[in-house]
Amino acid sequence: MNPISSRLGLAVLSIGLLIALPVSAQTAVWPNKPVTLVVGTPAGGAIDAYARTLADQLTKQTGGTFLVENRAGAGGNLSAEHVLKSPADGHSIWVTTHAMFTINPSAYPQLRWKQTDFKPIAKGIESPLLLVVHPSVPARTLPELASWLVANPSKAAYASFSPGTPSHFLGFQLNERLKLNMVHVPYKGSAPQLNDLIGGQVLLGFTQMQGAMQQVQAGKLHAIAITSLERSRFLPQVPTLAELGHRDLSLQVWFGLVAPVATPPKVIEVITAAVVKAQGDTTYRTKLEAQGFEVPRESGSAFETTILNDTARWARVVQATGFKAND
């Protein structure tokens, strides 16, 4: 056989075999090495719990290796910068939050990343915040709490899980709304905030439902109000802020996944499909719901729309408060 014809025949055969293979086999796009889910808070908080549950689920689904790396600091900005410095191949993903992604761009004057540096993948969970008080506070309703704070100015302080977050700004807005004079006590994450609320070092605050729900059920904290528009199925006895006349303070915080915008579109597509599949898994959803999370099915353009709307809301609040974060 003519050598040239032989080589041409082999080439045609190879192309035919390649076309016949599934896309995943052709490219082995993701994951083809360990995937790191980068969390911008210390271990032990609500975001960390979500990331580890997701990592376990994706490991089962794909057979790959998924790791959680905590890079706390600068309100989550260090984690964003770390992901942007990593190869844009889908193996370093930022587990970002409502606050980090939609508030930080307005709150940090010297921010070293932009929203457009990232491609949104999916909203992973959403949850309201709880306004809780230590049991030593005799108030069980919002009007009672306002009266007690006026009568006890030396104890009038509220804890947030970080400055420049919804827990900070809701406290600020409630302070103004009820004509109080509370001092803001910021923490570096939801876990230390919750620990001090339980210990009575600070007597009230808006906190993550994921951690606070069990403490409320155990009587270690009392829930005054919840920020969802409707009462939660997890704590149906707790009234909403909307019921109490403060509908404009309602919100659902979320955690979501984003990757560097330079990540190949095919890789983003495969990651999104894997996350959406995870969120449809009954066992996975049950694990997260047991922690007080709701598991939405929001990805791609729908998630991008949520981000745009939330960013506009918090830009107005940041401007109104004059808050500027220190990097």
C-alpha atoms as a PDB file:
ATOM      1  CA  MET A   1       0.000   0.000   0.000  1.00  0.00           C
ATOM      2  CA  ASN A   2       1.191   3.497  -0.765  1.00  0.00           C
ATOM      3  CA  PRO A   3       2.674   4.929   2.497  1.00  0.00           C
ATOM      4  CA  ILE A   4       0.905   8.250   1.935  1.00  0.00           C
ATOM      5  CA  SER A   5      -2.439   6.519   1.403  1.00  0.00           C
ATOM      6  CA  SER A   6      -1.834   4.417   4.508  1.00  0.00           C
ATOM      7  CA  ARG A   7      -1.152   7.462   6.663  1.00  0.00           C
ATOM      8  CA  LEU A   8      -4.178   9.260   5.198  1.00  0.00           C
ATOM      9  CA  GLY A   9      -6.374   6.269   5.966  1.00  0.00           C
ATOM     10  CA  LEU A  10      -5.200   6.165   9.576  1.00  0.00           C
ATOM     11  CA  ALA A  11      -5.839   9.884   9.960  1.00  0.00           C
ATOM     12  CA  VAL A  12      -9.375   9.552   8.605  1.00  0.00           C
ATOM     13  CA  LEU A  13     -10.002   6.595  10.928  1.00  0.00           C
ATOM     14  CA  SER A  14      -8.713   8.567  13.930  1.00  0.00           C
ATOM     15  CA  ILE A  15     -10.971  11.517  13.138  1.00  0.00           C
ATOM     16  CA  GLY A  16     -13.924   9.191  12.744  1.00  0.00           C
ATOM     17  CA  LEU A  17     -13.257   7.579  16.112  1.00  0.00           C
ATOM     18  CA  LEU A  18     -12.894  11.008  17.763  1.00  0.00           C
ATOM     19  CA  ILE A  19     -16.203  12.189  16.358  1.00  0.00           C
ATOM     20  CA  ALA A  20     -17.859   9.015  17.620  1.00  0.00           C
ATOM     21  CA  LEU A  21     -16.687   9.635  21.205  1.00  0.00           C
ATOM     22  CA  PRO A  22     -18.837  11.584  23.649  1.00  0.00           C
ATOM     23  CA  VAL A  23     -17.782  15.185  24.187  1.00  0.00           C
ATOM     24  CA  SER A  24     -16.633  14.395  27.751  1.00  0.00           C
ATOM     25  CA  ALA A  25     -14.347  11.644  26.468  1.00  0.00           C
ATOM     26  CA  GLN A  26     -12.981  13.880  23.729  1.00  0.00           C
ATOM     27  CA  THR A  27     -11.959  16.690  26.023  1.00  0.00           C
ATOM     28  CA  ALA A  28     -11.954  15.315  29.595  1.00  0.00           C
ATOM     29  CA  VAL A  29     -12.847  18.897  30.385  1.00  0.00           C
ATOM     30  CA  TRP A  30     -13.691  18.623  34.077  1.00  0.00           C
ATOM     31  CA  PRO A  31     -12.594  17.433  36.491  1.00  0.00           C
ATOM     32  CA  ASN A  32      -9.255  16.092  35.340  1.00  0.00           C
ATOM     33  CA  LYS A  33      -7.406  17.017  38.549  1.00  0.00           C
ATOM     34  CA  PRO A  34      -8.456  17.950  42.107  1.00  0.00           C
ATOM     35  CA  VAL A  35     -10.998  20.776  42.280  1.00  0.00           C
ATOM     36  CA  THR A  36     -10.663  23.342  45.059  1.00  0.00           C
ATOM     37  CA  LEU A  37     -13.754  25.119  46.371  1.00  0.00           C
ATOM     38  CA  VAL A  38     -12.355  28.311  47.867  1.00  0.00           C
ATOM     39  CA  VAL A  39     -14.302  29.743  50.827  1.00  0.00           C
ATOM     40  CA  GLY A  40     -13.671  33.279  52.060  1.00  0.00           C
ATOM     41  CA  THR A  41     -14.506  32.654  55.720  1.00  0.00           C
ATOM     42  CA  PRO A  42     -13.001  30.584  58.549  1.00  0.00           C
ATOM     43  CA  ALA A  43     -13.871  26.910  58.886  1.00  0.00           C
ATOM     44  CA  GLY A  44     -16.957  26.087  60.899  1.00  0.00           C
ATOM     45  CA  GLY A  45     -19.392  28.695  59.584  1.00  0.00           C
ATOM     46  CA  ALA A  46     -22.433  28.396  57.353  1.00  0.00           C
ATOM     47  CA  ILE A  47     -20.538  28.861  54.071  1.00  0.00           C
ATOM     48  CA  ASP A  48     -18.004  26.234  55.047  1.00  0.00           C
ATOM     49  CA  ALA A  49     -20.781  23.751  55.884  1.00  0.00           C
ATOM     50  CA  TYR A  50     -22.405  24.296  52.496  1.00  0.00           C
ATOM     51  CA  ALA A  51     -19.098  23.985  50.607  1.00  0.00           C
ATOM     52  CA  ARG A  52     -18.203  20.701  52.318  1.00  0.00           C
ATOM     53  CA  THR A  53     -21.629  19.211  51.635  1.00  0.00           C
ATOM     54  CA  LEU A  54     -21.316  20.201  47.971  1.00  0.00           C
ATOM     55  CA  ALA A  55     -17.756  18.843  47.745  1.00  0.00           C
ATOM     56  CA  ASP A  56     -18.948  15.459  49.045  1.00  0.00           C
ATOM     57  CA  GLN A  57     -21.817  15.368  46.567  1.00  0.00           C
ATOM     58  CA  LEU A  58     -19.666  16.309  43.556  1.00  0.00           C
ATOM     59  CA  THR A  59     -17.102  13.689  44.557  1.00  0.00           C
ATOM     60  CA  LYS A  60     -19.827  11.039  44.482  1.00  0.00           C
ATOM     61  CA  GLN A  61     -21.239  12.268  41.191  1.00  0.00           C
ATOM     62  CA  THR A  62     -18.059  12.713  39.185  1.00  0.00           C
ATOM     63  CA  GLY A  63     -15.551  10.400  40.866  1.00  0.00           C
ATOM     64  CA  GLY A  64     -13.197  13.386  41.066  1.00  0.00           C
ATOM     65  CA  THR A  65     -11.483  14.884  44.087  1.00  0.00           C
ATOM     66  CA  PHE A  66     -13.067  18.007  45.586  1.00  0.00           C
ATOM     67  CA  LEU A  67     -11.356  19.964  48.348  1.00  0.00           C
ATOM     68  CA  VAL A  68     -12.492  22.913  50.448  1.00  0.00           C
ATOM     69  CA  GLU A  69      -9.922  25.615  51.157  1.00  0.00           C
ATOM     70  CA  ASN A  70     -10.656  28.407  53.647  1.00  0.00           C
ATOM     71  CA  ARG A  71      -8.998  31.704  52.764  1.00  0.00           C
ATOM     72  CA  ALA A  72     -10.545  34.162  55.179  1.00  0.00           C
ATOM     73  CA  GLY A  73      -9.744  37.847  55.270  1.00  0.00           C
ATOM     74  CA  ALA A  74     -10.709  41.259  53.868  1.00  0.00           C
ATOM     75  CA  GLY A  75     -14.408  40.425  53.776  1.00  0.00           C
ATOM     76  CA  GLY A  76     -13.876  37.533  51.395  1.00  0.00           C
ATOM     77  CA  ASN A  77     -11.737  39.495  48.965  1.00  0.00           C
ATOM     78  CA  LEU A  78      -8.622  37.406  49.625  1.00  0.00           C
ATOM     79  CA  SER A  79     -10.482  34.327  48.432  1.00  0.00           C
ATOM     80  CA  ALA A  80     -11.547  36.128  45.247  1.00  0.00           C
ATOM     81  CA  GLU A  81      -7.985  37.219  44.520  1.00  0.00           C
ATOM     82  CA  HIS A  82      -6.674  33.710  45.152  1.00  0.00           C
ATOM     83  CA  VAL A  83      -9.095  32.179  42.647  1.00  0.00           C
ATOM     84  CA  LEU A  84      -8.216  34.800  40.033  1.00  0.00           C
ATOM     85  CA  LYS A  85      -4.524  33.965  40.405  1.00  0.00           C
ATOM     86  CA  SER A  86      -5.225  30.264  39.838  1.00  0.00           C
ATOM     87  CA  PRO A  87      -5.427  28.688  36.372  1.00  0.00           C
ATOM     88  CA  ALA A  88      -8.776  29.467  34.719  1.00  0.00           C
ATOM     89  CA  ASP A  89      -9.558  25.827  33.991  1.00  0.00           C
ATOM     90  CA  GLY A  90     -12.469  25.147  36.348  1.00  0.00           C
ATOM     91  CA  HIS A  91     -10.367  23.531  39.055  1.00  0.00           C
ATOM     92  CA  SER A  92     -10.410  26.547  41.368  1.00  0.00           C
ATOM     93  CA  ILE A  93     -13.949  27.793  42.074  1.00  0.00           C
ATOM     94  CA  TRP A  94     -14.978  30.615  44.369  1.00  0.00           C
ATOM     95  CA  VAL A  95     -17.786  29.801  46.809  1.00  0.00           C
ATOM     96  CA  THR A  96     -18.924  33.381  47.129  1.00  0.00           C
ATOM     97  CA  THR A  97     -21.769  34.958  49.047  1.00  0.00           C
ATOM     98  CA  HIS A  98     -24.515  37.502  48.670  1.00  0.00           C
ATOM     99  CA  ALA A  99     -22.392  39.985  50.639  1.00  0.00           C
ATOM    100  CA  MET A 100     -19.018  39.296  49.043  1.00  0.00           C
ATOM    101  CA  PHE A 101     -20.232  39.429  45.481  1.00  0.00           C
ATOM    102  CA  THR A 102     -22.945  42.100  45.555  1.00  0.00           C
ATOM    103  CA  ILE A 103     -21.948  44.399  48.450  1.00  0.00           C
ATOM    104  CA  ASN A 104     -18.139  44.417  48.360  1.00  0.00           C
ATOM    105  CA  PRO A 105     -17.961  46.190  44.963  1.00  0.00           C
ATOM    106  CA  SER A 106     -19.697  49.195  46.565  1.00  0.00           C
ATOM    107  CA  ALA A 107     -18.165  48.939  50.031  1.00  0.00           C
ATOM    108  CA  TYR A 108     -14.456  48.521  49.227  1.00  0.00           C
ATOM    109  CA  PRO A 109     -12.928  51.592  47.544  1.00  0.00           C
ATOM    110  CA  GLN A 110      -9.706  49.753  46.598  1.00  0.00           C
ATOM    111  CA  LEU A 111     -11.184  46.426  45.528  1.00  0.00           C
ATOM    112  CA  ARG A 112      -8.684  44.355  43.527  1.00  0.00           C
ATOM    113  CA  TRP A 113     -11.306  42.367  41.606  1.00  0.00           C
ATOM    114  CA  LYS A 114     -14.475  43.131  39.631  1.00  0.00           C
ATOM    115  CA  GLN A 115     -17.714  41.231  39.196  1.00  0.00           C
ATOM    116  CA  THR A 116     -16.887  40.982  35.495  1.00  0.00           C
ATOM    117  CA  ASP A 117     -13.716  39.035  36.399  1.00  0.00           C
ATOM    118  CA  PHE A 118     -16.005  36.096  37.203  1.00  0.00           C
ATOM    119  CA  LYS A 119     -18.594  34.005  35.413  1.00  0.00           C
ATOM    120  CA  PRO A 120     -21.590  33.117  37.625  1.00  0.00           C
ATOM    121  CA  ILE A 121     -22.303  29.380  37.672  1.00  0.00           C
ATOM    122  CA  ALA A 122     -25.173  28.718  40.065  1.00  0.00           C
ATOM    123  CA  LYS A 123     -26.837  29.868  43.250  1.00  0.00           C
ATOM    124  CA  GLY A 124     -26.146  27.057  45.688  1.00  0.00           C
ATOM    125  CA  ILE A 125     -28.395  27.821  48.638  1.00  0.00           C
ATOM    126  CA  GLU A 126     -30.487  30.650  49.975  1.00  0.00           C
ATOM    127  CA  SER A 127     -31.676  31.429  53.452  1.00  0.00           C
ATOM    128  CA  PRO A 128     -33.134  34.292  55.467  1.00  0.00           C
ATOM    129  CA  LEU A 129     -31.398  35.828  58.449  1.00  0.00           C
ATOM    130  CA  LEU A 130     -32.759  35.628  61.968  1.00  0.00           C
ATOM    131  CA  LEU A 131     -32.904  38.512  64.404  1.00  0.00           C
ATOM    132  CA  VAL A 132     -32.054  36.752  67.659  1.00  0.00           C
ATOM    133  CA  VAL A 133     -31.558  37.769  71.283  1.00  0.00           C
ATOM    134  CA  HIS A 134     -29.804  36.113  74.205  1.00  0.00           C
ATOM    135  CA  PRO A 135     -32.274  34.563  76.715  1.00  0.00           C
ATOM    136  CA  SER A 136     -31.205  37.128  79.311  1.00  0.00           C
ATOM    137  CA  VAL A 137     -33.027  39.768  77.251  1.00  0.00           C
ATOM    138  CA  PRO A 138     -36.648  39.730  78.462  1.00  0.00           C
ATOM    139  CA  ALA A 139     -38.085  40.812  75.093  1.00  0.00           C
ATOM    140  CA  ARG A 140     -39.927  38.305  72.880  1.00  0.00           C
ATOM    141  CA  THR A 141     -41.352  40.698  70.276  1.00  0.00           C
ATOM    142  CA  LEU A 142     -39.853  43.506  68.241  1.00  0.00           C
ATOM    143  CA  PRO A 143     -41.710  46.283  70.107  1.00  0.00           C
ATOM    144  CA  GLU A 144     -40.610  44.749  73.428  1.00  0.00           C
ATOM    145  CA  LEU A 145     -37.025  44.609  72.171  1.00  0.00           C
ATOM    146  CA  ALA A 146     -37.099  48.263  71.100  1.00  0.00           C
ATOM    147  CA  SER A 147     -38.437  49.317  74.533  1.00  0.00           C
ATOM    148  CA  TRP A 148     -35.828  47.228  76.361  1.00  0.00           C
ATOM    149  CA  LEU A 149     -32.985  48.720  74.311  1.00  0.00           C
ATOM    150  CA  VAL A 150     -34.169  52.257  75.073  1.00  0.00           C
ATOM    151  CA  ALA A 151     -34.328  51.391  78.792  1.00  0.00           C
ATOM    152  CA  ASN A 152     -30.894  49.688  78.759  1.00  0.00           C
ATOM    153  CA  PRO A 153     -28.605  51.905  76.664  1.00  0.00           C
ATOM    154  CA  SER A 154     -25.418  50.359  78.105  1.00  0.00           C
ATOM    155  CA  LYS A 155     -26.455  46.991  76.613  1.00  0.00           C
ATOM    156  CA  ALA A 156     -27.656  48.381  73.286  1.00  0.00           C
ATOM    157  CA  ALA A 157     -25.305  46.683  70.822  1.00  0.00           C
ATOM    158  CA  TYR A 158     -25.837  44.333  67.899  1.00  0.00           C
ATOM    159  CA  ALA A 159     -23.484  41.745  66.438  1.00  0.00           C
ATOM    160  CA  SER A 160     -22.924  41.232  62.711  1.00  0.00           C
ATOM    161  CA  PHE A 161     -21.050  38.325  61.160  1.00  0.00           C
ATOM    162  CA  SER A 162     -18.862  40.817  59.293  1.00  0.00           C
ATOM    163  CA  PRO A 163     -18.858  44.532  58.493  1.00  0.00           C
ATOM    164  CA  GLY A 164     -20.357  45.375  55.129  1.00  0.00           C
ATOM    165  CA  THR A 165     -22.743  42.404  55.127  1.00  0.00           C
ATOM    166  CA  PRO A 166     -26.549  42.194  55.295  1.00  0.00           C
ATOM    167  CA  SER A 167     -26.287  41.427  59.026  1.00  0.00           C
ATOM    168  CA  HIS A 168     -24.467  44.750  59.481  1.00  0.00           C
ATOM    169  CA  PHE A 169     -26.742  46.841  57.264  1.00  0.00           C
ATOM    170  CA  LEU A 170     -30.007  45.352  58.564  1.00  0.00           C
ATOM    171  CA  GLY A 171     -28.889  46.237  62.088  1.00  0.00           C
ATOM    172  CA  PHE A 172     -28.059  49.755  60.919  1.00  0.00           C
ATOM    173  CA  GLN A 173     -31.423  50.149  59.198  1.00  0.00           C
ATOM    174  CA  LEU A 174     -33.350  48.744  62.165  1.00  0.00           C
ATOM    175  CA  ASN A 175     -31.432  51.128  64.436  1.00  0.00           C
ATOM    176  CA  GLU A 176     -32.652  54.064  62.361  1.00  0.00           C
ATOM    177  CA  ARG A 177     -36.166  52.685  61.865  1.00  0.00           C
ATOM    178  CA  LEU A 178     -36.783  52.182  65.602  1.00  0.00           C
ATOM    179  CA  LYS A 179     -34.843  55.319  66.613  1.00  0.00           C
ATOM    180  CA  LEU A 180     -32.360  53.350  68.685  1.00  0.00           C
ATOM    181  CA  ASN A 181     -28.727  53.994  69.464  1.00  0.00           C
ATOM    182  CA  MET A 182     -27.186  50.540  69.145  1.00  0.00           C
ATOM    183  CA  VAL A 183     -23.439  50.056  68.749  1.00  0.00           C
ATOM    184  CA  HIS A 184     -22.306  47.782  65.918  1.00  0.00           C
ATOM    185  CA  VAL A 185     -20.046  44.895  66.986  1.00  0.00           C
ATOM    186  CA  PRO A 186     -18.585  43.196  63.881  1.00  0.00           C
ATOM    187  CA  TYR A 187     -17.170  39.666  63.797  1.00  0.00           C
ATOM    188  CA  LYS A 188     -15.036  37.755  61.324  1.00  0.00           C
ATOM    189  CA  GLY A 189     -17.537  35.124  60.279  1.00  0.00           C
ATOM    190  CA  SER A 190     -20.852  33.649  61.368  1.00  0.00           C
ATOM    191  CA  ALA A 191     -19.303  31.049  63.695  1.00  0.00           C
ATOM    192  CA  PRO A 192     -17.609  33.527  66.090  1.00  0.00           C
ATOM    193  CA  GLN A 193     -20.644  35.826  65.929  1.00  0.00           C
ATOM    194  CA  LEU A 194     -22.955  32.997  66.917  1.00  0.00           C
ATOM    195  CA  ASN A 195     -20.643  31.829  69.703  1.00  0.00           C
ATOM    196  CA  ASP A 196     -20.692  35.257  71.321  1.00  0.00           C
ATOM    197  CA  LEU A 197     -24.453  35.621  70.905  1.00  0.00           C
ATOM    198  CA  ILE A 198     -24.929  32.283  72.691  1.00  0.00           C
ATOM    199  CA  GLY A 199     -22.431  33.326  75.355  1.00  0.00           C
ATOM    200  CA  GLY A 200     -24.136  36.679  75.892  1.00  0.00           C
ATOM    201  CA  GLN A 201     -21.093  38.792  75.040  1.00  0.00           C
ATOM    202  CA  VAL A 202     -23.387  40.642  72.610  1.00  0.00           C
ATOM    203  CA  LEU A 203     -27.099  40.321  73.247  1.00  0.00           C
ATOM    204  CA  LEU A 204     -28.662  40.512  69.799  1.00  0.00           C
ATOM    205  CA  GLY A 205     -27.980  40.482  66.088  1.00  0.00           C
ATOM    206  CA  PHE A 206     -28.997  39.293  62.654  1.00  0.00           C
ATOM    207  CA  THR A 207     -27.362  35.919  62.142  1.00  0.00           C
ATOM    208  CA  GLN A 208     -27.252  33.045  59.673  1.00  0.00           C
ATOM    209  CA  MET A 209     -30.246  30.753  60.069  1.00  0.00           C
ATOM    210  CA  GLN A 210     -28.070  27.680  59.406  1.00  0.00           C
ATOM    211  CA  GLY A 211     -26.261  27.996  62.731  1.00  0.00           C
ATOM    212  CA  ALA A 212     -28.909  29.742  64.790  1.00  0.00           C
ATOM    213  CA  MET A 213     -31.855  27.435  64.083  1.00  0.00           C
ATOM    214  CA  GLN A 214     -30.703  24.660  66.438  1.00  0.00           C
ATOM    215  CA  GLN A 215     -29.815  27.192  69.128  1.00  0.00           C
ATOM    216  CA  VAL A 216     -33.303  28.698  68.910  1.00  0.00           C
ATOM    217  CA  GLN A 217     -34.895  25.249  69.088  1.00  0.00           C
ATOM    218  CA  ALA A 218     -32.739  24.459  72.140  1.00  0.00           C
ATOM    219  CA  GLY A 219     -33.702  27.704  73.873  1.00  0.00           C
ATOM    220  CA  LYS A 220     -30.152  29.083  73.839  1.00  0.00           C
ATOM    221  CA  LEU A 221     -31.321  32.012  71.705  1.00  0.00           C
ATOM    222  CA  HIS A 222     -34.749  33.543  71.086  1.00  0.00           C
ATOM    223  CA  ALA A 223     -35.798  34.514  67.546  1.00  0.00           C
ATOM    224  CA  ILE A 224     -37.569  37.864  67.308  1.00  0.00           C
ATOM    225  CA  ALA A 225     -38.066  37.990  63.532  1.00  0.00           C
ATOM    226  CA  ILE A 226     -37.005  36.423  60.241  1.00  0.00           C
ATOM    227  CA  THR A 227     -36.093  38.264  57.032  1.00  0.00           C
ATOM    228  CA  SER A 228     -37.964  36.043  54.534  1.00  0.00           C
ATOM    229  CA  LEU A 229     -41.189  37.365  53.014  1.00  0.00           C
ATOM    230  CA  GLU A 230     -43.064  34.327  54.320  1.00  0.00           C
ATOM    231  CA  ARG A 231     -42.602  32.405  57.557  1.00  0.00           C
ATOM    232  CA  SER A 232     -40.029  29.647  57.380  1.00  0.00           C
ATOM    233  CA  ARG A 233     -41.142  26.026  57.426  1.00  0.00           C
ATOM    234  CA  PHE A 234     -38.184  25.430  59.747  1.00  0.00           C
ATOM    235  CA  LEU A 235     -39.294  27.993  62.364  1.00  0.00           C
ATOM    236  CA  PRO A 236     -42.967  28.662  61.622  1.00  0.00           C
ATOM    237  CA  GLN A 237     -43.541  30.374  64.969  1.00  0.00           C
ATOM    238  CA  VAL A 238     -41.184  33.259  64.113  1.00  0.00           C
ATOM    239  CA  PRO A 239     -42.838  36.305  62.480  1.00  0.00           C
ATOM    240  CA  THR A 240     -41.379  37.946  59.395  1.00  0.00           C
ATOM    241  CA  LEU A 241     -40.143  41.515  59.338  1.00  0.00           C
ATOM    242  CA  ALA A 242     -42.713  42.054  56.582  1.00  0.00           C
ATOM    243  CA  GLU A 243     -45.509  41.046  58.993  1.00  0.00           C
ATOM    244  CA  LEU A 244     -44.125  43.502  61.508  1.00  0.00           C
ATOM    245  CA  GLY A 245     -44.302  46.406  59.055  1.00  0.00           C
ATOM    246  CA  HIS A 246     -40.767  46.333  57.666  1.00  0.00           C
ATOM    247  CA  ARG A 247     -41.218  44.590  54.310  1.00  0.00           C
ATOM    248  CA  ASP A 248     -38.424  46.620  52.704  1.00  0.00           C
ATOM    249  CA  LEU A 249     -35.928  44.958  55.079  1.00  0.00           C
ATOM    250  CA  SER A 250     -36.806  41.483  53.804  1.00  0.00           C
ATOM    251  CA  LEU A 251     -34.081  39.451  52.130  1.00  0.00           C
ATOM    252  CA  GLN A 252     -32.744  36.018  51.353  1.00  0.00           C
ATOM    253  CA  VAL A 253     -28.972  35.725  51.540  1.00  0.00           C
ATOM    254  CA  TRP A 254     -27.327  33.216  49.219  1.00  0.00           C
ATOM    255  CA  PHE A 255     -24.098  31.371  48.616  1.00  0.00           C
ATOM    256  CA  GLY A 256     -23.117  30.653  45.031  1.00  0.00           C
ATOM    257  CA  LEU A 257     -20.398  29.439  42.725  1.00  0.00           C
ATOM    258  CA  VAL A 258     -18.413  31.594  40.299  1.00  0.00           C
ATOM    259  CA  ALA A 259     -15.328  30.882  38.223  1.00  0.00           C
ATOM    260  CA  PRO A 260     -12.815  33.164  36.501  1.00  0.00           C
ATOM    261  CA  VAL A 261     -14.357  34.604  33.346  1.00  0.00           C
ATOM    262  CA  ALA A 262     -11.452  33.232  31.297  1.00  0.00           C
ATOM    263  CA  THR A 263     -12.576  29.676  32.077  1.00  0.00           C
ATOM    264  CA  PRO A 264     -13.501  27.949  28.777  1.00  0.00           C
ATOM    265  CA  PRO A 265     -17.263  28.035  28.127  1.00  0.00           C
ATOM    266  CA  LYS A 266     -17.376  24.249  27.725  1.00  0.00           C
ATOM    267  CA  VAL A 267     -15.894  23.832  31.204  1.00  0.00           C
ATOM    268  CA  ILE A 268     -18.435  26.277  32.673  1.00  0.00           C
ATOM    269  CA  GLU A 269     -21.178  24.284  30.965  1.00  0.00           C
ATOM    270  CA  VAL A 270     -19.976  21.002  32.476  1.00  0.00           C
ATOM    271  CA  ILE A 271     -19.568  22.505  35.976  1.00  0.00           C
ATOM    272  CA  THR A 272     -23.043  24.054  35.803  1.00  0.00           C
ATOM    273  CA  ALA A 273     -24.576  20.748  34.743  1.00  0.00           C
ATOM    274  CA  ALA A 274     -22.865  18.966  37.648  1.00  0.00           C
ATOM    275  CA  VAL A 275     -24.071  21.532  40.201  1.00  0.00           C
ATOM    276  CA  VAL A 276     -27.627  21.518  38.836  1.00  0.00           C
ATOM    277  CA  LYS A 277     -27.620  17.721  39.002  1.00  0.00           C
ATOM    278  CA  ALA A 278     -26.402  17.874  42.615  1.00  0.00           C
ATOM    279  CA  GLN A 279     -29.186  20.271  43.539  1.00  0.00           C
ATOM    280  CA  GLY A 280     -31.727  17.857  42.136  1.00  0.00           C
ATOM    281  CA  ASP A 281     -30.460  14.988  44.291  1.00  0.00           C
ATOM    282  CA  THR A 282     -32.914  14.207  47.102  1.00  0.00           C
ATOM    283  CA  THR A 283     -30.299  13.099  49.627  1.00  0.00           C
ATOM    284  CA  TYR A 284     -28.150  16.176  49.004  1.00  0.00           C
ATOM    285  CA  ARG A 285     -31.129  18.529  49.305  1.00  0.00           C
ATOM    286  CA  THR A 286     -32.244  16.826  52.527  1.00  0.00           C
ATOM    287  CA  LYS A 287     -28.799  17.324  54.090  1.00  0.00           C
ATOM    288  CA  LEU A 288     -28.840  21.046  53.329  1.00  0.00           C
ATOM    289  CA  GLU A 289     -32.474  21.527  54.316  1.00  0.00           C
ATOM    290  CA  ALA A 290     -31.702  19.896  57.678  1.00  0.00           C
ATOM    291  CA  GLN A 291     -29.291  22.780  58.252  1.00  0.00           C
ATOM    292  CA  GLY A 292     -31.967  25.381  57.487  1.00  0.00           C
ATOM    293  CA  PHE A 293     -30.994  26.016  53.868  1.00  0.00           C
ATOM    294  CA  GLU A 294     -33.325  26.194  50.895  1.00  0.00           C
ATOM    295  CA  VAL A 295     -31.843  24.705  47.715  1.00  0.00           C
ATOM    296  CA  PRO A 296     -32.856  26.724  44.634  1.00  0.00           C
ATOM    297  CA  ARG A 297     -32.407  25.637  41.032  1.00  0.00           C
ATOM    298  CA  GLU A 298     -31.023  28.871  39.705  1.00  0.00           C
ATOM    299  CA  SER A 299     -28.039  28.981  37.374  1.00  0.00           C
ATOM    300  CA  GLY A 300     -26.608  30.790  34.361  1.00  0.00           C
ATOM    301  CA  SER A 301     -28.505  33.875  33.195  1.00  0.00           C
ATOM    302  CA  ALA A 302     -31.114  33.647  35.994  1.00  0.00           C
ATOM    303  CA  PHE A 303     -28.340  33.772  38.600  1.00  0.00           C
ATOM    304  CA  GLU A 304     -26.744  36.696  36.749  1.00  0.00           C
ATOM    305  CA  THR A 305     -30.054  38.601  36.981  1.00  0.00           C
ATOM    306  CA  THR A 306     -30.229  37.981  40.744  1.00  0.00           C
ATOM    307  CA  ILE A 307     -26.700  39.334  41.088  1.00  0.00           C
ATOM    308  CA  LEU A 308     -27.536  42.494  39.134  1.00  0.00           C
ATOM    309  CA  ASN A 309     -30.645  43.195  41.233  1.00  0.00           C
ATOM    310  CA  ASP A 310     -28.901  42.557  44.557  1.00  0.00           C
ATOM    311  CA  THR A 311     -25.917  44.688  43.559  1.00  0.00           C
ATOM    312  CA  ALA A 312     -28.204  47.635  42.780  1.00  0.00           C
ATOM    313  CA  ARG A 313     -30.042  47.254  46.108  1.00  0.00           C
ATOM    314  CA  TRP A 314     -26.907  47.211  48.231  1.00  0.00           C
ATOM    315  CA  ALA A 315     -25.213  50.014  46.301  1.00  0.00           C
ATOM    316  CA  ARG A 316     -28.074  52.263  47.440  1.00  0.00           C
ATOM    317  CA  VAL A 317     -27.714  51.105  51.060  1.00  0.00           C
ATOM    318  CA  VAL A 318     -23.937  51.538  51.090  1.00  0.00           C
ATOM    319  CA  GLN A 319     -24.301  55.048  49.675  1.00  0.00           C
ATOM    320  CA  ALA A 320     -27.012  55.933  52.202  1.00  0.00           C
ATOM    321  CA  THR A 321     -24.953  54.725  55.172  1.00  0.00           C
ATOM    322  CA  GLY A 322     -21.668  56.164  53.914  1.00  0.00           C
ATOM    323  CA  PHE A 323     -19.975  52.875  54.825  1.00  0.00           C
ATOM    324  CA  LYS A 324     -16.488  52.262  53.499  1.00  0.00           C
ATOM    325  CA  ALA A 325     -14.691  49.034  54.299  1.00  0.00           C
ATOM    326  CA  ASN A 326     -10.992  48.805  55.069  1.00  0.00           C
ATOM    327  CA  ASP A 327      -9.185  46.317  52.848  1.00  0.00           C
END
